[in-house]
Amino acid sequence: MSKDTTTTNLTAENPAGENTIIPKAVTFALAQSHFLVGDITANADKMRQLAIEARGQGADVIIFPELALLGYPPQDLLLRPSLSGRVKSALSALSDIEDIVMIVGYPHVDHHGTFNSAAILHNGHQKGFYHKQFLPNYGVFDERRYFDKGRNQVLFDYKGITIGLLICEDLWEKTPISDLKQQGADLIVCLNASPFETDKQDTRKAMLAKRSSEHKLPIVYVNAVGGQDDLVFDGGSMVTQADGTIAHEASRFLDQLMLTTLDVETLKFDSQAKAPLSLSRESEMYQALVVGLRDYVNHSGFTGVIIGLSGGIDSALTLCIAVDALGSDKVYAVMMPYEYTSKISLEDAQAQARRLNVSYTVCPIFDAVEGIRHTLAPLFNQSPADTTEENIQARARGVILMALSNKFGHLVLTTGNKSELAVGYSTLYGDMAGGFDVLKDVYKSQVYNLASYRNRLEDTPVIPERVITRPPSAELRPDQKDQDSLPDYEVLDGILSLYIDEDMGYQDIIDKGFDAAMVGKIIKMVDNSEYKRLQAPIGTKISHKAFGRERRYPLVNKWSVEG
């Protein structure tokens, strides 16, 4: 199907017939901000405020992220029958903003279908719109479920330059920017809702540099920021010169209104006075976890969070992230010892709580566990003890935490990591009981790295050193160690990352140097634990492939380990 090109001219009419003076520069404002899913009226109000602020700072054009009016990803909200009316009303409410062009991401609904679109608003009128052409349908994206494919190229002339519009995935494909270049674009504006994963910003920079330099086009790239369910949008909006170099880069994980000025004659942007701090891998991972938890708790309406503090490294790191996300006054820690809980664990849990200044309570579970065992004794009929009795301890703790949540309105944070969740080293309705798993997408080896990173941020460590150095244990039986049931975490995580994140099969993983028997055992454990993961709470995605919306396997299947 051939593609049409729509061109809009935003130059004001001159009834006096005088010669129009073309300005020498155009200033763009990149509105890197958090727009909450479904809150259309509040999102429009935020756009209004940002547009007025940008205009006051001399901006000619303000650009908002992809689908900012509705928030991203809106999922089945796009199927609500009242969507079209709400969107039209919100766009109409922006019609009194003058003297600045607004490029607004929104869902466009008409008799042709539903589109992921960008509206061009100027002096009370919608001058045009662009429909996204390439709809991602992989990983966390399922846009083909909701949107129809756009067909037209859209350019608009403004103050002497021709601007082409793209939306997110369009820029990752070769043809849309090439078509705009052929149609005479001087500049590309791209609206994005690109979620975080480790090293993603470097990938974006490489892609933008390639697209700019290939077509000799400067690019204004605006990204969303903030947490939405299990996703975090990390900002990092950018402006590239036509040769691919970065002229401006916004901060990561923070709201920012970034202004940049284009010289109309040279088509070059001014240079940023001071670039944002570069983040290490641990730093960006930690910030993503903080933002993901902060926005989930605050936007869900919880008054605080409650954590079962064990004295181990997983709950210690979870506690740190919770305090950094919400403040110590909104974090409540409960230590629930049993007869196998070591004195060291009690001491370390108390030390962590005191160091971070959180509410801390010790609630022994001996009576609860013994009561359940007594109730079950006639039913078990003198069967030998096994992991069932161990799991009663975890489930007793889950009952206590959920009761406290029910009574006081705090969200229970679970503390399981990706390694444990992968192989099923967790108790359903026990330590998996809760509403949000902060470390769900963090392998155990990464937990250690993040704990050490957090300790380096302050003169006095927030996590006691021996919590990091002593062998991990669930403490559900005497002298229990994780490595009694699992290989060393470096080996385990190596196998898991290849199988889960890289989608490698049995033989391919063995070819990487891992023991065949161990690979087969681990893969079976992963596959057999799918039913647990389906019932696990959500947690922030930070990896290339997290458990949840982008990794979906049937619970009942006969796929062999060697497949």
Protein backbone atom coordinates (compact mmCIF):
# COMPACT_ATOMS: atom_id res chain seq x y z
CA MET A 1 0.00 0.00 0.00
CA SER A 2 1.42 3.38 -0.91
CA LYS A 3 1.96 5.89 1.84
CA ASP A 4 0.62 9.41 1.70
CA THR A 5 2.33 12.39 3.25
CA THR A 6 0.48 15.00 5.26
CA THR A 7 2.05 18.43 5.58
CA THR A 8 0.73 21.16 7.87
CA ASN A 9 1.87 24.77 7.89
CA LEU A 10 1.70 26.44 11.30
CA THR A 11 2.85 29.85 10.09
CA ALA A 12 0.28 32.43 11.16
CA GLU A 13 -1.62 34.18 8.40
CA ASN A 14 -0.66 37.80 7.78
CA PRO A 15 -3.80 39.71 6.72
CA ALA A 16 -1.82 42.89 6.15
CA GLY A 17 0.18 41.21 3.42
CA GLU A 18 3.48 42.09 5.06
CA ASN A 19 6.56 39.95 4.57
CA THR A 20 6.84 37.25 7.21
CA ILE A 21 10.03 37.43 9.23
CA ILE A 22 11.49 33.97 9.67
CA PRO A 23 13.17 33.60 13.07
CA LYS A 24 16.75 32.47 13.31
CA ALA A 25 16.07 29.95 16.05
CA VAL A 26 13.35 27.63 17.38
CA THR A 27 13.34 26.51 21.00
CA PHE A 28 11.98 23.07 21.89
CA ALA A 29 10.90 21.95 25.37
CA LEU A 30 11.13 18.21 26.11
CA ALA A 31 8.50 17.40 28.74
CA GLN A 32 10.03 14.34 30.40
CA SER A 33 7.38 13.71 33.02
CA HIS A 34 5.25 11.01 34.62
CA PHE A 35 1.72 10.77 33.25
CA LEU A 36 -0.38 8.35 35.27
CA VAL A 37 -2.31 5.68 33.36
CA GLY A 38 -6.01 6.44 33.16
CA ASP A 39 -5.87 9.87 34.81
CA ILE A 40 -6.73 11.77 31.64
CA THR A 41 -7.94 14.97 33.30
CA ALA A 42 -4.92 15.25 35.60
CA ASN A 43 -2.58 14.44 32.72
CA ALA A 44 -4.10 17.23 30.64
CA ASP A 45 -3.73 19.60 33.60
CA LYS A 46 -0.07 18.67 33.89
CA MET A 47 0.40 19.32 30.17
CA ARG A 48 -1.17 22.72 30.62
CA GLN A 49 1.15 23.62 33.48
CA LEU A 50 4.24 22.40 31.65
CA ALA A 51 3.27 24.22 28.44
CA ILE A 52 2.79 27.48 30.30
CA GLU A 53 6.08 27.00 32.13
CA ALA A 54 7.91 26.19 28.89
CA ARG A 55 6.38 29.18 27.11
CA GLY A 56 7.50 31.38 29.98
CA GLN A 57 11.05 30.11 29.44
CA GLY A 58 10.93 31.01 25.77
CA ALA A 59 9.94 27.67 24.22
CA ASP A 60 8.22 27.65 20.83
CA VAL A 61 7.34 23.94 20.85
CA ILE A 62 6.71 21.52 23.71
CA ILE A 63 6.78 17.75 23.17
CA PHE A 64 5.17 15.19 25.46
CA PRO A 65 5.86 11.43 25.63
CA GLU A 66 4.01 8.68 23.79
CA LEU A 67 0.35 8.33 24.84
CA ALA A 68 0.98 10.81 27.66
CA LEU A 69 -2.64 11.95 27.73
CA LEU A 70 -3.80 8.46 28.77
CA GLY A 71 -0.54 7.11 30.20
CA TYR A 72 1.45 4.08 29.05
CA PRO A 73 0.75 1.19 28.87
CA PRO A 74 -3.03 1.66 29.16
CA GLN A 75 -3.78 -1.98 28.26
CA ASP A 76 -7.52 -2.75 28.18
CA LEU A 77 -8.45 0.80 29.13
CA LEU A 78 -8.14 1.30 25.38
CA LEU A 79 -11.20 -0.91 24.97
CA ARG A 80 -13.46 1.18 27.23
CA PRO A 81 -16.37 2.67 25.26
CA SER A 82 -16.02 6.08 26.94
CA LEU A 83 -12.35 6.48 25.91
CA SER A 84 -12.95 8.55 22.78
CA GLY A 85 -15.18 11.07 24.53
CA ARG A 86 -12.79 11.50 27.43
CA VAL A 87 -9.83 12.06 25.12
CA LYS A 88 -11.69 14.60 22.97
CA SER A 89 -12.76 16.48 26.08
CA ALA A 90 -9.20 16.59 27.41
CA LEU A 91 -7.77 17.81 24.10
CA SER A 92 -10.49 20.46 23.95
CA ALA A 93 -9.51 21.62 27.44
CA LEU A 94 -6.04 22.45 26.10
CA SER A 95 -7.42 24.69 23.34
CA ASP A 96 -6.94 27.95 25.23
CA ILE A 97 -3.15 27.61 25.42
CA GLU A 98 -1.64 30.01 22.92
CA ASP A 99 1.76 30.98 21.54
CA ILE A 100 3.32 27.53 21.87
CA VAL A 101 2.97 24.42 19.72
CA MET A 102 2.04 21.33 21.72
CA ILE A 103 2.85 17.85 20.39
CA VAL A 104 0.74 15.51 22.48
CA GLY A 105 0.79 11.72 22.61
CA TYR A 106 -2.76 10.38 22.77
CA PRO A 107 -5.03 7.52 21.59
CA HIS A 108 -6.94 8.55 18.47
CA VAL A 109 -10.31 6.84 17.97
CA ASP A 110 -12.41 7.30 14.83
CA HIS A 111 -14.35 5.22 12.29
CA HIS A 112 -11.06 3.96 10.83
CA GLY A 113 -9.97 2.41 14.14
CA THR A 114 -7.88 3.13 17.23
CA PHE A 115 -4.40 4.59 16.77
CA ASN A 116 -1.36 5.40 18.88
CA SER A 117 -1.06 9.02 17.84
CA ALA A 118 0.55 12.42 18.20
CA ALA A 119 -1.57 15.57 17.94
CA ILE A 120 -0.24 18.95 16.81
CA LEU A 121 -2.01 21.64 18.85
CA HIS A 122 -1.50 25.34 18.12
CA ASN A 123 -3.42 28.39 19.29
CA GLY A 124 -6.60 26.54 20.16
CA HIS A 125 -6.74 24.24 17.15
CA GLN A 126 -5.60 20.73 16.34
CA LYS A 127 -3.58 21.33 13.21
CA GLY A 128 -2.86 17.70 12.46
CA PHE A 129 -2.07 14.28 13.82
CA TYR A 130 0.23 11.35 13.19
CA HIS A 131 -0.53 7.65 13.69
CA LYS A 132 2.25 5.28 14.78
CA GLN A 133 3.18 2.92 11.93
CA PHE A 134 5.16 0.15 13.59
CA LEU A 135 3.35 -1.48 16.51
CA PRO A 136 5.62 -3.55 18.79
CA ASN A 137 4.23 -6.94 19.75
CA TYR A 138 7.07 -8.55 21.69
CA GLY A 139 8.39 -8.51 25.24
CA VAL A 140 6.19 -6.27 27.37
CA PHE A 141 4.48 -4.77 24.31
CA ASP A 142 1.19 -5.95 22.81
CA GLU A 143 0.15 -2.93 20.77
CA ARG A 144 -1.35 -4.95 17.94
CA ARG A 145 -4.03 -6.08 20.37
CA TYR A 146 -5.26 -2.50 20.65
CA PHE A 147 -4.05 -0.31 17.80
CA ASP A 148 -4.45 -0.08 14.06
CA LYS A 149 -1.41 0.62 11.94
CA GLY A 150 -0.79 4.16 10.74
CA ARG A 151 -0.14 4.65 7.03
CA ASN A 152 0.75 8.31 6.52
CA GLN A 153 3.95 10.26 6.91
CA VAL A 154 3.31 13.55 8.71
CA LEU A 155 5.38 16.71 8.47
CA PHE A 156 4.61 20.24 9.56
CA ASP A 157 6.25 23.53 8.70
CA TYR A 158 6.95 25.88 11.54
CA LYS A 159 9.06 29.05 11.58
CA GLY A 160 11.18 28.06 8.63
CA ILE A 161 11.77 24.38 9.38
CA THR A 162 9.97 21.20 8.33
CA ILE A 163 9.42 18.80 11.22
CA GLY A 164 8.66 15.10 10.78
CA LEU A 165 6.85 13.10 13.46
CA LEU A 166 7.57 9.55 14.66
CA ILE A 167 6.49 7.52 17.67
CA CYS A 168 8.87 5.18 19.52
CA GLU A 169 9.14 1.92 17.52
CA ASP A 170 8.99 3.90 14.26
CA LEU A 171 12.48 5.19 14.95
CA TRP A 172 13.89 1.68 15.52
CA GLU A 173 12.80 0.75 12.00
CA LYS A 174 14.62 2.01 8.92
CA THR A 175 11.85 3.15 6.61
CA PRO A 176 9.86 5.81 8.53
CA ILE A 177 12.76 8.22 9.03
CA SER A 178 14.00 7.53 5.50
CA ASP A 179 10.58 8.40 4.09
CA LEU A 180 10.45 11.62 6.09
CA LYS A 181 13.89 12.60 4.83
CA GLN A 182 12.79 12.05 1.25
CA GLN A 183 9.72 14.21 1.85
CA GLY A 184 11.91 17.12 2.95
CA ALA A 185 12.10 16.86 6.75
CA ASP A 186 14.72 19.09 8.39
CA LEU A 187 14.20 17.63 11.86
CA ILE A 188 12.63 14.56 13.49
CA VAL A 189 10.56 14.69 16.66
CA CYS A 190 9.97 11.29 18.28
CA LEU A 191 7.58 10.60 21.17
CA ASN A 192 8.49 7.60 23.33
CA ALA A 193 7.43 5.39 26.21
CA SER A 194 10.54 3.23 26.35
CA PRO A 195 10.73 1.15 29.56
CA PHE A 196 13.92 0.58 31.49
CA GLU A 197 16.15 -2.42 31.35
CA THR A 198 19.86 -2.59 32.12
CA ASP A 199 22.06 -0.93 29.49
CA LYS A 200 18.99 0.34 27.58
CA GLN A 201 20.18 3.95 27.51
CA ASP A 202 23.39 2.97 25.73
CA THR A 203 21.32 1.06 23.18
CA ARG A 204 19.10 4.10 22.62
CA LYS A 205 22.11 6.37 22.15
CA ALA A 206 23.61 4.01 19.58
CA MET A 207 20.33 3.81 17.67
CA LEU A 208 19.81 7.58 17.67
CA ALA A 209 23.39 8.20 16.54
CA LYS A 210 22.91 5.76 13.69
CA ARG A 211 19.59 7.20 12.52
CA SER A 212 20.79 10.82 12.71
CA SER A 213 24.09 10.27 10.95
CA GLU A 214 22.58 8.00 8.26
CA HIS A 215 20.04 10.60 7.19
CA LYS A 216 21.81 13.79 8.29
CA LEU A 217 18.83 14.69 10.45
CA PRO A 218 18.78 16.08 13.99
CA ILE A 219 16.41 14.18 16.30
CA VAL A 220 14.44 15.30 19.36
CA TYR A 221 13.72 12.17 21.42
CA VAL A 222 11.34 12.56 24.38
CA ASN A 223 10.91 9.63 26.76
CA ALA A 224 8.47 8.96 29.59
CA VAL A 225 9.57 8.62 33.22
CA GLY A 226 8.16 6.95 36.33
CA GLY A 227 6.80 3.57 37.44
CA GLN A 228 3.70 1.82 36.13
CA ASP A 229 2.91 -1.57 37.68
CA ASP A 230 5.99 -3.71 36.92
CA LEU A 231 7.51 -1.27 34.41
CA VAL A 232 9.75 1.72 35.02
CA PHE A 233 10.32 4.43 32.44
CA ASP A 234 13.73 5.96 32.97
CA GLY A 235 13.62 9.19 30.97
CA GLY A 236 16.99 10.00 29.51
CA SER A 237 15.38 12.10 26.77
CA MET A 238 17.91 13.22 24.15
CA VAL A 239 18.60 15.63 21.33
CA THR A 240 21.07 14.60 18.63
CA GLN A 241 22.77 16.67 15.99
CA ALA A 242 22.61 15.66 12.34
CA ASP A 243 26.00 13.95 12.67
CA GLY A 244 24.77 11.71 15.49
CA THR A 245 26.45 13.47 18.40
CA ILE A 246 24.37 14.16 21.48
CA ALA A 247 23.63 17.83 22.06
CA HIS A 248 21.41 17.40 25.14
CA GLU A 249 20.57 14.53 27.48
CA ALA A 250 18.02 14.68 30.29
CA SER A 251 18.50 13.11 33.70
CA ARG A 252 17.50 9.52 34.28
CA PHE A 253 14.50 8.59 36.43
CA LEU A 254 13.59 12.23 37.14
CA ASP A 255 10.92 14.62 35.87
CA GLN A 256 12.61 17.32 33.82
CA LEU A 257 11.58 20.08 31.44
CA MET A 258 14.62 20.32 29.15
CA LEU A 259 14.94 23.20 26.67
CA THR A 260 17.08 23.19 23.56
CA THR A 261 17.38 25.72 20.73
CA LEU A 262 17.82 24.94 17.04
CA ASP A 263 19.57 27.37 14.70
CA VAL A 264 17.22 27.52 11.71
CA GLU A 265 19.97 28.32 9.22
CA THR A 266 22.51 25.66 10.25
CA LEU A 267 19.98 23.16 11.67
CA LYS A 268 22.26 22.67 14.66
CA PHE A 269 21.19 22.59 18.29
CA ASP A 270 22.93 24.52 21.01
CA SER A 271 25.20 22.43 23.22
CA GLN A 272 24.28 21.37 26.74
CA ALA A 273 26.26 23.22 29.37
CA LYS A 274 26.47 20.26 31.73
CA ALA A 275 25.53 16.68 30.93
CA PRO A 276 23.79 14.59 33.62
CA LEU A 277 25.84 12.22 35.73
CA SER A 278 26.56 8.89 34.10
CA LEU A 279 25.07 5.96 36.03
CA SER A 280 26.85 2.69 36.67
CA ARG A 281 24.97 -0.54 36.07
CA GLU A 282 24.35 -0.99 39.81
CA SER A 283 23.29 2.63 40.16
CA GLU A 284 20.71 2.52 37.37
CA MET A 285 19.38 -0.83 38.59
CA TYR A 286 19.01 0.51 42.11
CA GLN A 287 17.31 3.69 40.94
CA ALA A 288 14.88 1.68 38.84
CA LEU A 289 13.95 -0.47 41.84
CA VAL A 290 13.43 2.62 44.00
CA VAL A 291 11.24 4.37 41.42
CA GLY A 292 9.24 1.23 40.67
CA LEU A 293 8.38 0.65 44.33
CA ARG A 294 7.80 4.35 45.08
CA ASP A 295 5.29 4.89 42.30
CA TYR A 296 3.49 1.59 42.81
CA VAL A 297 2.92 2.24 46.52
CA ASN A 298 2.08 5.93 46.24
CA HIS A 299 -0.25 5.62 43.27
CA SER A 300 -1.98 2.57 44.74
CA GLY A 301 -2.94 4.54 47.84
CA PHE A 302 -1.10 2.56 50.51
CA THR A 303 -0.03 4.42 53.66
CA GLY A 304 3.20 2.44 53.95
CA VAL A 305 4.85 -0.95 53.52
CA ILE A 306 5.59 -3.84 55.84
CA ILE A 307 8.55 -6.20 55.48
CA GLY A 308 9.36 -9.48 57.15
CA LEU A 309 12.96 -8.80 58.21
CA SER A 310 14.93 -12.04 58.53
CA GLY A 311 18.47 -10.81 59.10
CA GLY A 312 19.40 -12.06 55.62
CA ILE A 313 20.62 -10.10 52.62
CA ASP A 314 17.41 -10.17 50.55
CA SER A 315 15.23 -8.58 53.22
CA ALA A 316 18.06 -6.19 54.11
CA LEU A 317 18.31 -4.89 50.55
CA THR A 318 14.52 -4.72 50.26
CA LEU A 319 14.43 -2.63 53.44
CA CYS A 320 17.01 -0.19 52.02
CA ILE A 321 15.12 0.22 48.76
CA ALA A 322 11.84 0.75 50.64
CA VAL A 323 13.33 3.47 52.85
CA ASP A 324 14.95 5.20 49.88
CA ALA A 325 11.67 5.03 47.96
CA LEU A 326 9.20 6.03 50.67
CA GLY A 327 11.05 7.39 53.69
CA SER A 328 11.67 5.59 56.97
CA ASP A 329 8.37 6.77 58.46
CA LYS A 330 6.41 4.69 55.96
CA VAL A 331 8.35 1.44 56.41
CA TYR A 332 7.53 -1.15 59.07
CA ALA A 333 9.77 -4.14 59.75
CA VAL A 334 8.75 -7.29 61.61
CA MET A 335 11.18 -9.99 62.73
CA MET A 336 9.36 -13.33 63.20
CA PRO A 337 11.81 -15.76 64.83
CA TYR A 338 11.35 -19.47 65.31
CA GLU A 339 13.55 -21.99 67.10
CA TYR A 340 15.90 -22.25 64.09
CA THR A 341 16.42 -18.49 63.82
CA SER A 342 20.02 -17.75 64.78
CA LYS A 343 21.13 -15.15 67.28
CA ILE A 344 23.13 -13.51 64.49
CA SER A 345 19.97 -13.06 62.42
CA LEU A 346 18.18 -11.42 65.34
CA GLU A 347 21.08 -9.07 65.95
CA ASP A 348 21.51 -8.16 62.30
CA ALA A 349 17.81 -7.54 61.72
CA GLN A 350 17.67 -5.19 64.68
CA ALA A 351 20.86 -3.42 63.54
CA GLN A 352 19.40 -2.85 60.05
CA ALA A 353 16.15 -1.46 61.42
CA ARG A 354 17.95 0.88 63.83
CA ARG A 355 20.40 2.06 61.19
CA LEU A 356 17.55 2.97 58.82
CA ASN A 357 15.34 4.32 61.61
CA VAL A 358 12.27 2.23 60.76
CA SER A 359 9.58 0.88 63.06
CA TYR A 360 10.74 -2.56 64.22
CA THR A 361 8.80 -5.29 65.99
CA VAL A 362 9.75 -8.81 67.08
CA CYS A 363 6.85 -11.25 66.76
CA PRO A 364 7.82 -14.87 67.60
CA ILE A 365 5.93 -17.53 65.64
CA PHE A 366 6.51 -20.57 67.87
CA ASP A 367 2.96 -20.71 69.20
CA ALA A 368 1.46 -20.20 65.74
CA VAL A 369 3.56 -22.97 64.19
CA GLU A 370 2.93 -25.39 67.02
CA GLY A 371 -0.80 -24.67 66.87
CA ILE A 372 -0.90 -25.53 63.15
CA ARG A 373 1.19 -28.65 63.71
CA HIS A 374 -1.10 -29.75 66.51
CA THR A 375 -4.12 -29.27 64.27
CA LEU A 376 -2.51 -31.26 61.47
CA ALA A 377 -1.10 -34.06 63.63
CA PRO A 378 -4.14 -36.38 63.35
CA LEU A 379 -4.28 -35.80 59.61
CA PHE A 380 -0.60 -36.45 58.99
CA ASN A 381 -1.00 -39.81 60.82
CA GLN A 382 2.59 -40.01 62.02
CA SER A 383 4.04 -39.37 58.55
CA PRO A 384 7.75 -38.54 58.74
CA ALA A 385 8.62 -34.85 58.84
CA ASP A 386 9.71 -33.26 55.55
CA THR A 387 9.57 -29.87 53.86
CA THR A 388 5.90 -29.64 54.78
CA GLU A 389 6.80 -28.79 58.36
CA GLU A 390 9.40 -26.28 57.17
CA ASN A 391 6.83 -24.57 54.99
CA ILE A 392 4.46 -24.19 57.95
CA GLN A 393 6.96 -21.72 59.39
CA ALA A 394 6.97 -19.63 56.22
CA ARG A 395 3.18 -19.77 55.98
CA ALA A 396 2.77 -18.70 59.59
CA ARG A 397 4.89 -15.64 58.81
CA GLY A 398 2.79 -14.96 55.73
CA VAL A 399 -0.41 -15.05 57.80
CA ILE A 400 1.03 -12.59 60.33
CA LEU A 401 2.22 -10.13 57.68
CA MET A 402 -1.07 -10.24 55.80
CA ALA A 403 -3.00 -9.75 59.04
CA LEU A 404 -0.92 -6.67 59.85
CA SER A 405 -1.49 -5.40 56.31
CA ASN A 406 -5.23 -5.98 56.65
CA LYS A 407 -5.37 -4.21 60.00
CA PHE A 408 -3.18 -1.17 59.28
CA GLY A 409 -3.35 -0.76 55.49
CA HIS A 410 0.32 -1.35 54.71
CA LEU A 411 1.42 -3.16 51.57
CA VAL A 412 3.36 -6.35 52.26
CA LEU A 413 6.66 -6.48 50.39
CA THR A 414 7.98 -9.95 49.65
CA THR A 415 11.73 -10.38 49.51
CA GLY A 416 12.32 -13.27 47.10
CA ASN A 417 14.88 -12.79 44.34
CA LYS A 418 14.83 -13.94 40.72
CA SER A 419 17.09 -16.93 41.37
CA GLU A 420 14.77 -18.30 44.05
CA LEU A 421 11.64 -17.57 42.05
CA ALA A 422 13.16 -19.26 39.01
CA VAL A 423 13.81 -22.61 40.70
CA GLY A 424 10.89 -22.53 43.11
CA TYR A 425 13.03 -22.01 46.22
CA SER A 426 10.14 -20.27 47.95
CA THR A 427 6.92 -21.16 49.73
CA LEU A 428 3.60 -20.51 48.08
CA TYR A 429 1.33 -18.63 50.52
CA GLY A 430 4.34 -18.25 52.78
CA ASP A 431 7.29 -16.01 51.89
CA MET A 432 5.55 -15.40 48.55
CA ALA A 433 2.53 -13.86 50.31
CA GLY A 434 2.39 -10.14 49.61
CA GLY A 435 1.59 -7.44 47.12
CA PHE A 436 4.93 -6.44 45.59
CA ASP A 437 8.26 -8.24 45.22
CA VAL A 438 11.00 -5.62 45.02
CA LEU A 439 13.71 -8.12 43.97
CA LYS A 440 11.60 -10.22 41.63
CA ASP A 441 13.84 -9.47 38.62
CA VAL A 442 17.15 -9.40 40.54
CA TYR A 443 19.34 -12.50 40.53
CA LYS A 444 20.96 -13.45 43.84
CA SER A 445 24.44 -12.54 42.62
CA GLN A 446 23.06 -9.12 41.67
CA VAL A 447 21.55 -8.80 45.16
CA TYR A 448 25.05 -8.95 46.60
CA ASN A 449 26.31 -6.36 44.12
CA LEU A 450 23.44 -4.00 44.92
CA ALA A 451 23.91 -4.43 48.66
CA SER A 452 27.58 -3.53 48.36
CA TYR A 453 26.69 -0.59 46.11
CA ARG A 454 24.19 0.76 48.64
CA ASN A 455 26.71 0.45 51.46
CA ARG A 456 29.25 2.47 49.47
CA LEU A 457 26.89 5.45 49.32
CA GLU A 458 27.36 6.22 53.02
CA ASP A 459 30.23 6.32 55.49
CA THR A 460 28.41 3.93 57.82
CA PRO A 461 27.08 0.79 56.04
CA VAL A 462 23.31 0.40 56.10
CA ILE A 463 23.64 -3.38 55.72
CA PRO A 464 25.92 -5.12 58.25
CA GLU A 465 28.94 -6.62 56.51
CA ARG A 466 28.36 -10.10 57.86
CA VAL A 467 24.89 -10.10 56.28
CA ILE A 468 26.70 -9.85 52.96
CA THR A 469 29.49 -12.30 53.74
CA ARG A 470 27.83 -15.15 55.66
CA PRO A 471 26.28 -18.09 53.72
CA PRO A 472 22.59 -17.49 52.92
CA SER A 473 20.00 -19.61 54.70
CA ALA A 474 16.22 -19.85 54.94
CA GLU A 475 16.69 -21.02 58.56
CA LEU A 476 13.81 -23.48 58.37
CA ARG A 477 15.82 -26.34 59.89
CA PRO A 478 19.04 -26.66 61.93
CA ASP A 479 22.21 -25.49 60.15
CA GLN A 480 20.36 -25.07 56.84
CA LYS A 481 22.22 -23.41 53.95
CA ASP A 482 20.85 -22.47 50.52
CA GLN A 483 23.69 -24.40 48.91
CA ASP A 484 22.38 -27.61 50.49
CA SER A 485 19.66 -27.56 47.83
CA LEU A 486 21.12 -25.30 45.16
CA PRO A 487 24.48 -24.89 43.41
CA ASP A 488 26.66 -21.89 44.13
CA TYR A 489 24.70 -18.79 43.13
CA GLU A 490 27.28 -17.71 40.56
CA VAL A 491 26.83 -21.05 38.78
CA LEU A 492 23.06 -21.06 39.26
CA ASP A 493 22.65 -17.52 37.97
CA GLY A 494 24.86 -18.27 35.00
CA ILE A 495 22.59 -21.12 33.94
CA LEU A 496 19.40 -19.21 34.73
CA SER A 497 20.40 -16.10 32.77
CA LEU A 498 21.15 -18.20 29.69
CA TYR A 499 17.93 -20.19 29.95
CA ILE A 500 15.58 -17.36 30.94
CA ASP A 501 17.06 -14.12 29.61
CA GLU A 502 18.79 -15.49 26.52
CA ASP A 503 16.28 -18.29 25.73
CA MET A 504 19.07 -20.83 25.26
CA GLY A 505 18.29 -24.54 25.25
CA TYR A 506 19.78 -27.44 27.16
CA GLN A 507 22.64 -28.25 24.78
CA ASP A 508 23.52 -24.62 24.09
CA ILE A 509 23.96 -24.00 27.83
CA ILE A 510 26.15 -27.10 28.20
CA ASP A 511 28.25 -25.82 25.31
CA LYS A 512 28.92 -22.72 27.42
CA GLY A 513 30.85 -24.94 29.85
CA PHE A 514 28.23 -25.94 32.43
CA ASP A 515 27.82 -29.48 33.78
CA ALA A 516 25.16 -31.38 31.85
CA ALA A 517 23.52 -32.96 34.89
CA MET A 518 23.38 -29.60 36.66
CA VAL A 519 21.88 -27.88 33.61
CA GLY A 520 19.20 -30.56 33.31
CA LYS A 521 18.37 -30.30 37.01
CA ILE A 522 18.08 -26.51 36.96
CA ILE A 523 15.96 -26.42 33.81
CA LYS A 524 13.55 -28.95 35.33
CA MET A 525 13.30 -26.85 38.49
CA VAL A 526 12.51 -23.74 36.45
CA ASP A 527 9.90 -25.47 34.33
CA ASN A 528 8.25 -27.19 37.30
CA SER A 529 7.89 -23.88 39.20
CA GLU A 530 5.79 -22.07 36.62
CA TYR A 531 2.63 -22.53 38.70
CA LYS A 532 4.27 -20.73 41.61
CA ARG A 533 5.39 -17.80 39.54
CA LEU A 534 1.91 -17.35 38.12
CA GLN A 535 0.70 -16.68 41.66
CA ALA A 536 3.62 -14.50 42.71
CA PRO A 537 3.23 -10.74 43.30
CA ILE A 538 4.47 -8.36 40.63
CA GLY A 539 7.86 -6.69 40.86
CA THR A 540 9.87 -4.14 38.92
CA LYS A 541 11.34 -5.29 35.61
CA ILE A 542 15.03 -4.46 35.20
CA SER A 543 16.29 -7.24 32.95
CA HIS A 544 15.92 -8.10 29.29
CA LYS A 545 13.35 -10.76 30.20
CA ALA A 546 11.53 -10.60 33.51
CA PHE A 547 9.00 -13.07 34.88
CA GLY A 548 5.53 -11.78 34.19
CA ARG A 549 4.00 -10.18 31.13
CA GLU A 550 6.90 -10.93 28.76
CA ARG A 551 7.57 -14.57 29.69
CA ARG A 552 4.45 -16.72 29.45
CA TYR A 553 4.53 -20.51 29.50
CA PRO A 554 1.71 -23.07 29.82
CA LEU A 555 1.36 -24.56 33.28
CA VAL A 556 0.56 -27.98 31.89
CA ASN A 557 2.82 -29.14 29.06
CA LYS A 558 5.09 -32.05 28.05
CA TRP A 559 8.02 -30.07 26.66
CA SER A 560 11.21 -32.00 27.37
CA VAL A 561 14.24 -30.60 29.18
CA GLU A 562 16.41 -31.16 26.10
CA GLY A 563 14.15 -28.93 23.96
